[in-house]
C-alpha atoms as a PDB file:
ATOM      1  CA  MET A   1       0.000   0.000   0.000  1.00  0.00           C
ATOM      2  CA  ALA A   2       2.886   2.362   0.719  1.00  0.00           C
ATOM      3  CA  ALA A   3       4.390   1.597  -2.638  1.00  0.00           C
ATOM      4  CA  GLU A   4       1.081   2.320  -4.283  1.00  0.00           C
ATOM      5  CA  SER A   5       0.806   5.798  -2.665  1.00  0.00           C
ATOM      6  CA  LEU A   6       4.159   6.954  -4.029  1.00  0.00           C
ATOM      7  CA  ASN A   7       4.313   8.832  -7.259  1.00  0.00           C
ATOM      8  CA  PRO A   8       5.851   6.686  -9.959  1.00  0.00           C
ATOM      9  CA  ALA A   9       8.413   9.446 -10.704  1.00  0.00           C
ATOM     10  CA  ALA A  10       9.564   9.546  -7.031  1.00  0.00           C
ATOM     11  CA  THR A  11      12.534   7.588  -5.878  1.00  0.00           C
ATOM     12  CA  HIS A  12      11.896   4.590  -3.693  1.00  0.00           C
ATOM     13  CA  HIS A  13      14.757   5.449  -1.320  1.00  0.00           C
ATOM     14  CA  LEU A  14      14.060   8.617   0.704  1.00  0.00           C
ATOM     15  CA  PRO A  15      16.796  10.467   2.685  1.00  0.00           C
ATOM     16  CA  SER A  16      16.804  10.079   6.468  1.00  0.00           C
ATOM     17  CA  PHE A  17      15.786  13.694   7.161  1.00  0.00           C
ATOM     18  CA  ILE A  18      12.430  13.267   5.434  1.00  0.00           C
ATOM     19  CA  THR A  19       9.861  12.091   7.946  1.00  0.00           C
ATOM     20  CA  ALA A  20       6.708  10.148   7.393  1.00  0.00           C
ATOM     21  CA  PRO A  21       3.386  11.931   7.894  1.00  0.00           C
ATOM     22  CA  GLY A  22       2.433  12.194  11.570  1.00  0.00           C
ATOM     23  CA  GLU A  23       5.974  11.647  12.922  1.00  0.00           C
ATOM     24  CA  THR A  24       8.218  14.212  14.664  1.00  0.00           C
ATOM     25  CA  ASP A  25      10.599  16.074  12.416  1.00  0.00           C
ATOM     26  CA  VAL A  26      13.857  15.649  14.355  1.00  0.00           C
ATOM     27  CA  LEU A  27      15.880  17.839  11.998  1.00  0.00           C
ATOM     28  CA  MET A  28      13.480  20.768  12.522  1.00  0.00           C
ATOM     29  CA  VAL A  29      13.597  20.359  16.315  1.00  0.00           C
ATOM     30  CA  ILE A  30      17.417  20.306  16.318  1.00  0.00           C
ATOM     31  CA  THR A  31      17.538  23.328  13.994  1.00  0.00           C
ATOM     32  CA  GLY A  32      15.086  25.231  16.226  1.00  0.00           C
ATOM     33  CA  VAL A  33      17.098  24.500  19.372  1.00  0.00           C
ATOM     34  CA  LEU A  34      20.343  25.546  17.663  1.00  0.00           C
ATOM     35  CA  LEU A  35      18.683  28.747  16.408  1.00  0.00           C
ATOM     36  CA  LEU A  36      17.433  29.679  19.889  1.00  0.00           C
ATOM     37  CA  LEU A  37      20.811  28.875  21.430  1.00  0.00           C
ATOM     38  CA  GLY A  38      22.596  30.907  18.747  1.00  0.00           C
ATOM     39  CA  VAL A  39      20.327  33.948  19.239  1.00  0.00           C
ATOM     40  CA  PHE A  40      20.801  33.728  23.010  1.00  0.00           C
ATOM     41  CA  LEU A  41      24.607  33.482  22.745  1.00  0.00           C
ATOM     42  CA  PHE A  42      24.707  36.309  20.190  1.00  0.00           C
ATOM     43  CA  GLY A  43      22.721  38.493  22.607  1.00  0.00           C
ATOM     44  CA  ILE A  44      25.142  37.741  25.435  1.00  0.00           C
ATOM     45  CA  VAL A  45      28.150  38.589  23.248  1.00  0.00           C
ATOM     46  CA  PHE A  46      26.419  41.761  22.022  1.00  0.00           C
ATOM     47  CA  PHE A  47      25.671  43.019  25.533  1.00  0.00           C
ATOM     48  CA  LYS A  48      29.166  42.116  26.777  1.00  0.00           C
ATOM     49  CA  LEU A  49      30.648  44.069  23.878  1.00  0.00           C
ATOM     50  CA  HIS A  50      28.185  46.899  24.404  1.00  0.00           C
ATOM     51  CA  THR A  51      29.170  47.286  28.077  1.00  0.00           C
ATOM     52  CA  LEU A  52      32.904  47.180  27.332  1.00  0.00           C
ATOM     53  CA  PRO A  53      33.393  50.972  27.731  1.00  0.00           C
ATOM     54  CA  GLU A  54      31.603  50.931  31.086  1.00  0.00           C
ATOM     55  CA  ARG A  55      33.709  48.037  32.356  1.00  0.00           C
ATOM     56  CA  VAL A  56      36.884  49.839  31.270  1.00  0.00           C
ATOM     57  CA  ALA A  57      35.784  53.153  32.839  1.00  0.00           C
ATOM     58  CA  HIS A  58      34.728  51.463  36.082  1.00  0.00           C
ATOM     59  CA  LYS A  59      38.308  51.761  37.330  1.00  0.00           C
ATOM     60  CA  SER A  60      38.468  55.514  36.663  1.00  0.00           C
ATOM     61  CA  GLN A  61      36.910  58.521  38.341  1.00  0.00           C
ATOM     62  CA  LYS A  62      33.213  58.553  39.171  1.00  0.00           C
ATOM     63  CA  ILE A  63      32.248  61.381  36.810  1.00  0.00           C
ATOM     64  CA  GLN A  64      34.094  59.761  33.906  1.00  0.00           C
ATOM     65  CA  PHE A  65      32.321  56.450  34.579  1.00  0.00           C
ATOM     66  CA  GLU A  66      28.925  58.159  34.655  1.00  0.00           C
ATOM     67  CA  ILE A  67      29.532  59.968  31.351  1.00  0.00           C
ATOM     68  CA  VAL A  68      30.624  56.720  29.684  1.00  0.00           C
ATOM     69  CA  ALA A  69      27.559  54.917  31.077  1.00  0.00           C
ATOM     70  CA  VAL A  70      25.223  57.595  29.714  1.00  0.00           C
ATOM     71  CA  LEU A  71      26.914  57.446  26.305  1.00  0.00           C
ATOM     72  CA  GLY A  72      26.455  53.665  26.334  1.00  0.00           C
ATOM     73  CA  LEU A  73      22.741  54.006  27.066  1.00  0.00           C
ATOM     74  CA  ILE A  74      22.320  56.601  24.334  1.00  0.00           C
ATOM     75  CA  ALA A  75      24.090  54.293  21.885  1.00  0.00           C
ATOM     76  CA  LEU A  76      21.899  51.367  22.934  1.00  0.00           C
ATOM     77  CA  PHE A  77      18.587  53.161  22.495  1.00  0.00           C
ATOM     78  CA  THR A  78      19.403  55.310  19.448  1.00  0.00           C
ATOM     79  CA  HIS A  79      21.438  52.687  17.540  1.00  0.00           C
ATOM     80  CA  MET A  80      23.999  55.386  16.741  1.00  0.00           C
ATOM     81  CA  HIS A  81      27.371  53.716  17.121  1.00  0.00           C
ATOM     82  CA  ILE A  82      29.289  56.978  17.345  1.00  0.00           C
ATOM     83  CA  PHE A  83      28.161  57.339  20.990  1.00  0.00           C
ATOM     84  CA  TRP A  84      29.605  53.899  21.779  1.00  0.00           C
ATOM     85  CA  VAL A  85      32.897  54.824  20.087  1.00  0.00           C
ATOM     86  CA  ILE A  86      33.064  58.127  21.994  1.00  0.00           C
ATOM     87  CA  GLY A  87      32.328  56.284  25.243  1.00  0.00           C
ATOM     88  CA  LEU A  88      35.062  53.745  24.545  1.00  0.00           C
ATOM     89  CA  LEU A  89      37.604  56.462  23.749  1.00  0.00           C
ATOM     90  CA  LEU A  90      36.609  58.399  26.859  1.00  0.00           C
ATOM     91  CA  ALA A  91      36.955  55.257  28.970  1.00  0.00           C
ATOM     92  CA  LEU A  92      40.443  54.555  27.630  1.00  0.00           C
ATOM     93  CA  ILE A  93      41.765  58.054  28.373  1.00  0.00           C
ATOM     94  CA  ASP A  94      43.113  58.698  31.866  1.00  0.00           C
ATOM     95  CA  PHE A  95      42.216  62.202  32.916  1.00  0.00           C
ATOM     96  CA  PRO A  96      44.340  63.894  35.567  1.00  0.00           C
ATOM     97  CA  ASP A  97      42.786  64.436  38.989  1.00  0.00           C
ATOM     98  CA  PHE A  98      42.345  68.196  39.045  1.00  0.00           C
ATOM     99  CA  GLY A  99      40.270  68.157  42.244  1.00  0.00           C
ATOM    100  CA  THR A 100      43.121  66.988  44.452  1.00  0.00           C
ATOM    101  CA  MET A 101      45.537  69.437  42.894  1.00  0.00           C
ATOM    102  CA  MET A 102      43.128  72.353  43.262  1.00  0.00           C
ATOM    103  CA  GLY A 103      42.430  71.403  46.880  1.00  0.00           C
ATOM    104  CA  ARG A 104      46.124  71.378  47.674  1.00  0.00           C
ATOM    105  CA  ILE A 105      46.557  74.759  45.989  1.00  0.00           C
ATOM    106  CA  ALA A 106      43.631  76.159  47.980  1.00  0.00           C
ATOM    107  CA  ARG A 107      45.082  74.892  51.271  1.00  0.00           C
ATOM    108  CA  SER A 108      48.487  76.349  50.396  1.00  0.00           C
ATOM    109  CA  VAL A 109      46.956  79.728  49.600  1.00  0.00           C
ATOM    110  CA  GLU A 110      45.044  79.618  52.890  1.00  0.00           C
ATOM    111  CA  LYS A 111      48.313  78.972  54.734  1.00  0.00           C
ATOM    112  CA  MET A 112      50.042  81.810  52.912  1.00  0.00           C
ATOM    113  CA  ALA A 113      47.155  84.139  53.761  1.00  0.00           C
ATOM    114  CA  GLY A 114      47.302  83.068  57.400  1.00  0.00           C
ATOM    115  CA  ILE A 115      43.832  81.553  57.427  1.00  0.00           C
ATOM    116  CA  LYS A 116      43.659  78.587  59.769  1.00  0.00           C
ATOM    117  CA  SER A 117      42.071  75.560  58.089  1.00  0.00           C
ATOM    118  CA  THR A 118      39.725  73.678  60.399  1.00  0.00           C
ATOM    119  CA  GLU A 119      39.926  70.330  58.624  1.00  0.00           C
ATOM    120  CA  PRO A 120      43.008  68.349  57.639  1.00  0.00           C
ATOM    121  CA  ALA A 121      43.779  67.520  54.038  1.00  0.00           C
ATOM    122  CA  THR A 122      42.166  64.185  53.271  1.00  0.00           C
ATOM    123  CA  GLU A 123      42.215  64.305  49.488  1.00  0.00           C
ATOM    124  CA  GLY A 124      44.934  62.929  47.290  1.00  0.00           C
ATOM    125  CA  PRO A 125      47.026  59.817  47.480  1.00  0.00           C
ATOM    126  CA  PRO A 126      46.879  57.921  50.791  1.00  0.00           C
ATOM    127  CA  GLU A 127      50.462  58.745  51.743  1.00  0.00           C
ATOM    128  CA  ILE A 128      49.826  62.497  51.370  1.00  0.00           C
ATOM    129  CA  ALA A 129      46.529  62.305  53.236  1.00  0.00           C
ATOM    130  CA  SER A 130      48.076  60.316  56.096  1.00  0.00           C
ATOM    131  CA  ASP A 131      50.994  62.795  56.327  1.00  0.00           C
ATOM    132  CA  ALA A 132      48.541  65.676  56.514  1.00  0.00           C
ATOM    133  CA  LYS A 133      46.493  63.922  59.200  1.00  0.00           C
ATOM    134  CA  ARG A 134      49.623  63.215  61.265  1.00  0.00           C
ATOM    135  CA  ALA A 135      50.696  66.848  60.950  1.00  0.00           C
ATOM    136  CA  HIS A 136      47.239  68.009  62.028  1.00  0.00           C
ATOM    137  CA  GLU A 137      47.211  65.602  64.985  1.00  0.00           C
ATOM    138  CA  ALA A 138      50.718  66.622  66.048  1.00  0.00           C
ATOM    139  CA  GLY A 139      49.361  69.952  67.238  1.00  0.00           C
ATOM    140  CA  GLY A 140      50.426  72.022  64.263  1.00  0.00           C
ATOM    141  CA  ALA A 141      54.107  71.004  64.177  1.00  0.00           C
ATOM    142  CA  HIS A 142      53.940  71.255  60.414  1.00  0.00           C
ATOM    143  CA  ASP A 143      52.427  74.743  60.631  1.00  0.00           C
ATOM    144  CA  ARG A 144      55.208  75.839  63.007  1.00  0.00           C
ATOM    145  CA  ALA A 145      57.826  74.527  60.562  1.00  0.00           C
ATOM    146  CA  VAL A 146      56.173  76.452  57.719  1.00  0.00           C
ATOM    147  CA  ALA A 147      56.077  79.615  59.847  1.00  0.00           C
ATOM    148  CA  ALA A 148      59.779  79.203  60.688  1.00  0.00           C
ATOM    149  CA  MET A 149      60.646  78.862  57.014  1.00  0.00           C
ATOM    150  CA  LYS A 150      58.584  81.973  56.252  1.00  0.00           C
ATOM    151  CA  SER A 151      60.410  83.994  58.895  1.00  0.00           C
ATOM    152  CA  GLU A 152      63.765  82.808  57.508  1.00  0.00           C
ATOM    153  CA  SER A 153      62.769  83.824  53.994  1.00  0.00           C
ATOM    154  CA  VAL A 154      61.528  87.214  55.234  1.00  0.00           C
ATOM    155  CA  SER A 155      64.752  87.880  57.136  1.00  0.00           C
ATOM    156  CA  ALA A 156      66.791  86.825  54.078  1.00  0.00           C
ATOM    157  CA  SER A 157      64.836  89.209  51.853  1.00  0.00           C
ATOM    158  CA  GLN A 158      65.315  92.014  54.390  1.00  0.00           C
ATOM    159  CA  LYS A 159      69.063  91.327  54.383  1.00  0.00           C
ATOM    160  CA  GLU A 160      69.098  91.580  50.599  1.00  0.00           C
ATOM    161  CA  ALA A 161      67.226  94.868  50.759  1.00  0.00           C
ATOM    162  CA  SER A 162      69.683  96.285  53.331  1.00  0.00           C
ATOM    163  CA  HIS A 163      72.661  95.392  51.113  1.00  0.00           C
ATOM    164  CA  ALA A 164      71.288  97.328  48.172  1.00  0.00           C
END
């Protein structure tokens, strides 16, 4: 009966991937699983690549990390890759820490003006911050040393003026 239902032009030997009516198509199931797995893995790789600038900038300053994160979100939602490229370049550049430098300059100017700072210097590298804390805790020994150097420089400049 099966031989009678075949078309006379059809071959009598069918390949293994052709299933009989009513049976499960194994090749289609395997292809579907591989397709879903491939889409899932592609999504993981895409999001890992997309968050690369943020992971690089995570080690930098807070403001730089936030700017890179915002650029990454803009690139994700607008599909404009230039924002991702800018974020990656910004993440790879190490910007100098101007805040610590400006704070040290401000404290130095306060000392030169004779204004007593109420809080010790805590910004900057740990060794500088710990030195400043020790000087503050030592009862102003550092300030006395600075005052002594100032008086020496003033007396030296007065000597130069008297020689002229």
